[in-house]
């Protein structure tokens, strides 16, 4: 691993442990050349994924790009970062296990929207407005009405905490 401070090609691993979500390994490294310390994360990648954009252009899938778009949608929302990390891991796992090396960007967007819908309504609306290219206020009204109907359906079904599971 190249040192991010001095560019030295030799760095030493001082500590390795599973990350909080156990889907990656956190490594503390030190550069013998400049003494700089930094952390790297190692994740399992089942296959190289390629994203097919709406324009037909192809580019490598970037997990970090997905995280950045979610951070924008979730900005100033009270969501635990571990829940976001689990959601992203779930999306990536679904993409990798689909069996396809090339994934349309629309498929990724739909998986993210599904995840955000269960994570945070405000982030869901923010992401959907960009992803679905809202142009008018009516687009927002339709989405919020859809959310409101889903909420009222959930409230209409009483949840009996003492009821046996599966009935």
Foldseek 3Di string as FASTA:
>chain_A
DADPPPRDPDKAWDDWDQPPVNQWIKTWIARPVPRDIDIDIGGDQLAWAWEQEPVRDIDTDDLVVVVVLLCVLCPPPPFDVVLVVVLSVVLNVCVRPVPDRYHYVVSSLVSVLVSVLVGDPSSSLVSCCVVVVDDDVVVSVVSVVVSVVVVVVVVVDDDDPPDDPPD
